[in-house]
C-alpha atoms as a PDB file:
ATOM      1  CA  UNK A   1      91.705  94.336 113.874  1.00  0.00           C
ATOM      2  CA  UNK A   2      89.244  91.624 115.202  1.00  0.00           C
ATOM      3  CA  UNK A   3      90.487  88.248 116.432  1.00  0.00           C
ATOM      4  CA  UNK A   4      87.685  85.408 116.790  1.00  0.00           C
ATOM      5  CA  UNK A   5      88.581  82.740 119.328  1.00  0.00           C
ATOM      6  CA  UNK A   6      87.512  79.283 118.286  1.00  0.00           C
ATOM      7  CA  UNK A   7      88.979  78.236 121.644  1.00  0.00           C
ATOM      8  CA  UNK A   8      89.552  80.320 124.846  1.00  0.00           C
ATOM      9  CA  UNK A   9      92.997  82.050 124.356  1.00  0.00           C
ATOM     10  CA  UNK A  10      95.073  84.697 126.453  1.00  0.00           C
ATOM     11  CA  UNK A  11      97.188  87.040 124.391  1.00  0.00           C
ATOM     12  CA  UNK A  12     100.914  86.866 125.975  1.00  0.00           C
ATOM     13  CA  UNK A  13     102.745  89.296 123.391  1.00  0.00           C
ATOM     14  CA  UNK A  14     102.754  90.536 119.803  1.00  0.00           C
ATOM     15  CA  UNK A  15     105.177  90.656 117.039  1.00  0.00           C
ATOM     16  CA  UNK A  16     104.996  93.848 114.998  1.00  0.00           C
ATOM     17  CA  UNK A  17     106.850  95.697 112.474  1.00  0.00           C
ATOM     18  CA  UNK A  18     107.917  99.220 112.683  1.00  0.00           C
ATOM     19  CA  UNK A  19     110.134 101.996 111.269  1.00  0.00           C
ATOM     20  CA  UNK A  20     110.911 103.118 114.665  1.00  0.00           C
ATOM     21  CA  UNK A  21     113.995 102.341 116.865  1.00  0.00           C
ATOM     22  CA  UNK A  22     114.689 102.613 120.528  1.00  0.00           C
ATOM     23  CA  UNK A  23     112.371 102.547 123.303  1.00  0.00           C
ATOM     24  CA  UNK A  24     108.829 103.902 122.235  1.00  0.00           C
ATOM     25  CA  UNK A  25     105.476 104.171 124.268  1.00  0.00           C
ATOM     26  CA  UNK A  26     102.809 101.941 122.549  1.00  0.00           C
ATOM     27  CA  UNK A  27      99.167 102.217 123.610  1.00  0.00           C
ATOM     28  CA  UNK A  28      97.060  99.179 123.766  1.00  0.00           C
ATOM     29  CA  UNK A  29      93.189  99.062 123.537  1.00  0.00           C
ATOM     30  CA  UNK A  30      90.686  96.219 123.179  1.00  0.00           C
ATOM     31  CA  UNK A  31      86.894  96.101 122.616  1.00  0.00           C
ATOM     32  CA  UNK A  32      84.507  93.346 123.028  1.00  0.00           C
ATOM     33  CA  UNK A  33      83.152  92.669 119.741  1.00  0.00           C
ATOM     34  CA  UNK A  34      84.252  94.074 116.301  1.00  0.00           C
ATOM     35  CA  UNK A  35      85.935  97.705 115.981  1.00  0.00           C
ATOM     36  CA  UNK A  36      83.875  98.189 112.881  1.00  0.00           C
ATOM     37  CA  UNK A  37      81.563 101.333 113.647  1.00  0.00           C
ATOM     38  CA  UNK A  38      83.753 102.052 116.616  1.00  0.00           C
ATOM     39  CA  UNK A  39      87.130 103.101 114.926  1.00  0.00           C
ATOM     40  CA  UNK A  40      86.916 106.565 115.810  1.00  0.00           C
ATOM     41  CA  UNK A  41      85.173 106.710 119.343  1.00  0.00           C
ATOM     42  CA  UNK A  42      87.663 106.123 122.036  1.00  0.00           C
ATOM     43  CA  UNK A  43      84.789 105.843 124.550  1.00  0.00           C
ATOM     44  CA  UNK A  44      83.848 102.371 123.235  1.00  0.00           C
ATOM     45  CA  UNK A  45      87.458 101.094 123.842  1.00  0.00           C
ATOM     46  CA  UNK A  46      88.965  99.703 127.000  1.00  0.00           C
ATOM     47  CA  UNK A  47      92.228 101.094 127.595  1.00  0.00           C
ATOM     48  CA  UNK A  48      94.705  98.174 128.557  1.00  0.00           C
ATOM     49  CA  UNK A  49      97.689 100.411 129.137  1.00  0.00           C
ATOM     50  CA  UNK A  50     100.924 102.056 127.688  1.00  0.00           C
ATOM     51  CA  UNK A  51     104.117 100.001 127.746  1.00  0.00           C
ATOM     52  CA  UNK A  52     107.542 100.988 126.494  1.00  0.00           C
ATOM     53  CA  UNK A  53     108.663  98.921 123.435  1.00  0.00           C
ATOM     54  CA  UNK A  54     112.227  98.393 122.353  1.00  0.00           C
ATOM     55  CA  UNK A  55     111.576  98.894 118.495  1.00  0.00           C
ATOM     56  CA  UNK A  56     114.018  97.365 116.299  1.00  0.00           C
ATOM     57  CA  UNK A  57     113.271  99.344 113.000  1.00  0.00           C
ATOM     58  CA  UNK A  58     112.502  98.226 109.475  1.00  0.00           C
ATOM     59  CA  UNK A  59     112.892  94.769 108.712  1.00  0.00           C
ATOM     60  CA  UNK A  60     113.084  93.275 112.214  1.00  0.00           C
ATOM     61  CA  UNK A  61     110.146  92.221 114.273  1.00  0.00           C
ATOM     62  CA  UNK A  62     109.623  94.030 117.497  1.00  0.00           C
ATOM     63  CA  UNK A  63     108.372  92.149 120.671  1.00  0.00           C
ATOM     64  CA  UNK A  64     105.498  93.676 122.411  1.00  0.00           C
ATOM     65  CA  UNK A  65     105.341  91.946 125.678  1.00  0.00           C
ATOM     66  CA  UNK A  66     104.241  93.067 129.145  1.00  0.00           C
ATOM     67  CA  UNK A  67     102.042  91.575 131.994  1.00  0.00           C
ATOM     68  CA  UNK A  68      99.319  93.802 131.063  1.00  0.00           C
ATOM     69  CA  UNK A  69      98.689  91.547 127.964  1.00  0.00           C
ATOM     70  CA  UNK A  70      97.675  88.747 130.069  1.00  0.00           C
ATOM     71  CA  UNK A  71      94.306  90.613 130.722  1.00  0.00           C
ATOM     72  CA  UNK A  72      93.645  90.101 127.064  1.00  0.00           C
ATOM     73  CA  UNK A  73      91.465  86.996 127.173  1.00  0.00           C
ATOM     74  CA  UNK A  74      89.205  86.033 124.267  1.00  0.00           C
ATOM     75  CA  UNK A  75      86.617  83.221 125.322  1.00  0.00           C
ATOM     76  CA  UNK A  76      85.550  80.670 122.650  1.00  0.00           C
ATOM     77  CA  UNK A  77      83.113  81.947 120.332  1.00  0.00           C
ATOM     78  CA  UNK A  78      83.854  85.511 121.010  1.00  0.00           C
ATOM     79  CA  UNK A  79      85.543  88.420 119.030  1.00  0.00           C
ATOM     80  CA  UNK A  80      87.774  90.868 120.457  1.00  0.00           C
ATOM     81  CA  UNK A  81      89.201  93.990 118.592  1.00  0.00           C
ATOM     82  CA  UNK A  82      92.857  94.956 119.235  1.00  0.00           C
ATOM     83  CA  UNK A  83      94.327  98.354 118.417  1.00  0.00           C
ATOM     84  CA  UNK A  84      97.842  99.263 119.002  1.00  0.00           C
ATOM     85  CA  UNK A  85      99.001 102.726 118.697  1.00  0.00           C
ATOM     86  CA  UNK A  86     102.288 104.580 118.678  1.00  0.00           C
ATOM     87  CA  UNK A  87     102.194 108.419 119.134  1.00  0.00           C
ATOM     88  CA  UNK A  88     103.264 108.685 115.388  1.00  0.00           C
ATOM     89  CA  UNK A  89     101.864 106.548 112.525  1.00  0.00           C
ATOM     90  CA  UNK A  90     104.976 104.249 112.308  1.00  0.00           C
ATOM     91  CA  UNK A  91     103.549 100.894 112.455  1.00  0.00           C
ATOM     92  CA  UNK A  92     103.888  98.815 109.310  1.00  0.00           C
ATOM     93  CA  UNK A  93     100.792  96.802 107.798  1.00  0.00           C
ATOM     94  CA  UNK A  94     100.336  94.740 104.644  1.00  0.00           C
ATOM     95  CA  UNK A  95      97.913  96.498 102.409  1.00  0.00           C
ATOM     96  CA  UNK A  96      96.156  93.920 100.074  1.00  0.00           C
ATOM     97  CA  UNK A  97      92.870  95.213  98.325  1.00  0.00           C
ATOM     98  CA  UNK A  98      92.098  91.802  97.253  1.00  0.00           C
ATOM     99  CA  UNK A  99      91.521  90.710 100.944  1.00  0.00           C
ATOM    100  CA  UNK A 100      88.931  93.365 102.087  1.00  0.00           C
ATOM    101  CA  UNK A 101      88.471  94.376 105.874  1.00  0.00           C
ATOM    102  CA  UNK A 102      86.666  91.836 107.694  1.00  0.00           C
ATOM    103  CA  UNK A 103      88.023  88.806 105.751  1.00  0.00           C
ATOM    104  CA  UNK A 104      90.127  86.253 107.536  1.00  0.00           C
ATOM    105  CA  UNK A 105      93.636  87.110 107.186  1.00  0.00           C
ATOM    106  CA  UNK A 106      95.109  84.093 109.089  1.00  0.00           C
ATOM    107  CA  UNK A 107      93.770  81.363 111.279  1.00  0.00           C
ATOM    108  CA  UNK A 108      94.873  78.224 112.987  1.00  0.00           C
ATOM    109  CA  UNK A 109      92.865  75.871 115.136  1.00  0.00           C
ATOM    110  CA  UNK A 110      92.417  78.223 118.078  1.00  0.00           C
ATOM    111  CA  UNK A 111      91.773  81.696 116.311  1.00  0.00           C
ATOM    112  CA  UNK A 112      90.820  83.721 113.313  1.00  0.00           C
ATOM    113  CA  UNK A 113      92.901  87.132 112.582  1.00  0.00           C
ATOM    114  CA  UNK A 114      90.490  89.452 110.501  1.00  0.00           C
ATOM    115  CA  UNK A 115      92.005  91.955 107.915  1.00  0.00           C
ATOM    116  CA  UNK A 116      91.652  95.275 109.734  1.00  0.00           C
ATOM    117  CA  UNK A 117      92.490  98.984 109.188  1.00  0.00           C
ATOM    118  CA  UNK A 118      95.489 101.416 109.484  1.00  0.00           C
ATOM    119  CA  UNK A 119      94.921 104.493 111.622  1.00  0.00           C
ATOM    120  CA  UNK A 120      96.385 107.892 111.112  1.00  0.00           C
ATOM    121  CA  UNK A 121      97.248 109.159 114.744  1.00  0.00           C
ATOM    122  CA  UNK A 122      95.150 107.992 117.620  1.00  0.00           C
ATOM    123  CA  UNK A 123      91.516 107.256 116.361  1.00  0.00           C
ATOM    124  CA  UNK A 124      92.233 109.270 113.377  1.00  0.00           C
ATOM    125  CA  UNK A 125      91.502 108.577 109.719  1.00  0.00           C
ATOM    126  CA  UNK A 126      90.956 105.123 108.949  1.00  0.00           C
ATOM    127  CA  UNK A 127      92.566 102.936 106.039  1.00  0.00           C
ATOM    128  CA  UNK A 128      90.914  99.597 104.871  1.00  0.00           C
ATOM    129  CA  UNK A 129      92.290  96.350 104.048  1.00  0.00           C
ATOM    130  CA  UNK A 130      95.335  96.285 106.281  1.00  0.00           C
ATOM    131  CA  UNK A 131      96.720  93.231 107.678  1.00  0.00           C
ATOM    132  CA  UNK A 132      98.781  92.709 110.597  1.00  0.00           C
ATOM    133  CA  UNK A 133     102.441  92.576 109.783  1.00  0.00           C
ATOM    134  CA  UNK A 134     103.370  90.553 112.636  1.00  0.00           C
ATOM    135  CA  UNK A 135     102.036  87.614 114.950  1.00  0.00           C
ATOM    136  CA  UNK A 136      99.837  87.366 117.803  1.00  0.00           C
ATOM    137  CA  UNK A 137     101.558  84.944 120.653  1.00  0.00           C
ATOM    138  CA  UNK A 138      98.804  83.429 122.971  1.00  0.00           C
ATOM    139  CA  UNK A 139      98.295  80.114 124.883  1.00  0.00           C
ATOM    140  CA  UNK A 140      95.188  78.195 125.884  1.00  0.00           C
ATOM    141  CA  UNK A 141      94.431  78.894 129.744  1.00  0.00           C
END
């Protein structure tokens, strides 16, 4: 998904939903600008790192937290694409055909989160109109 910063923000963690339980590696990628047109080309993305996530399973938010995330800064007026990927397609998203990919899904006084896409495997098939089932935790530096 894309995140547009109204004010400069630094992402400190995410809350996501997954069917997985136990400790599972999660890969984190970012891209300056939008993911659109870049969703199948790993060479366009910056690899932030792989972190082990203690997945809580269906119905309970899983916290994704690491010092690596502090490198995800979005300057005011900029857009950054975020891509979180497990080895298996077990991240849960909201799907709503009435909120097309690219529309604002959520916003506050600091940022806008756009409706993104789901992926089948790392840089695999793309499924549109997917909203983050979770939250971005951030601060203003």
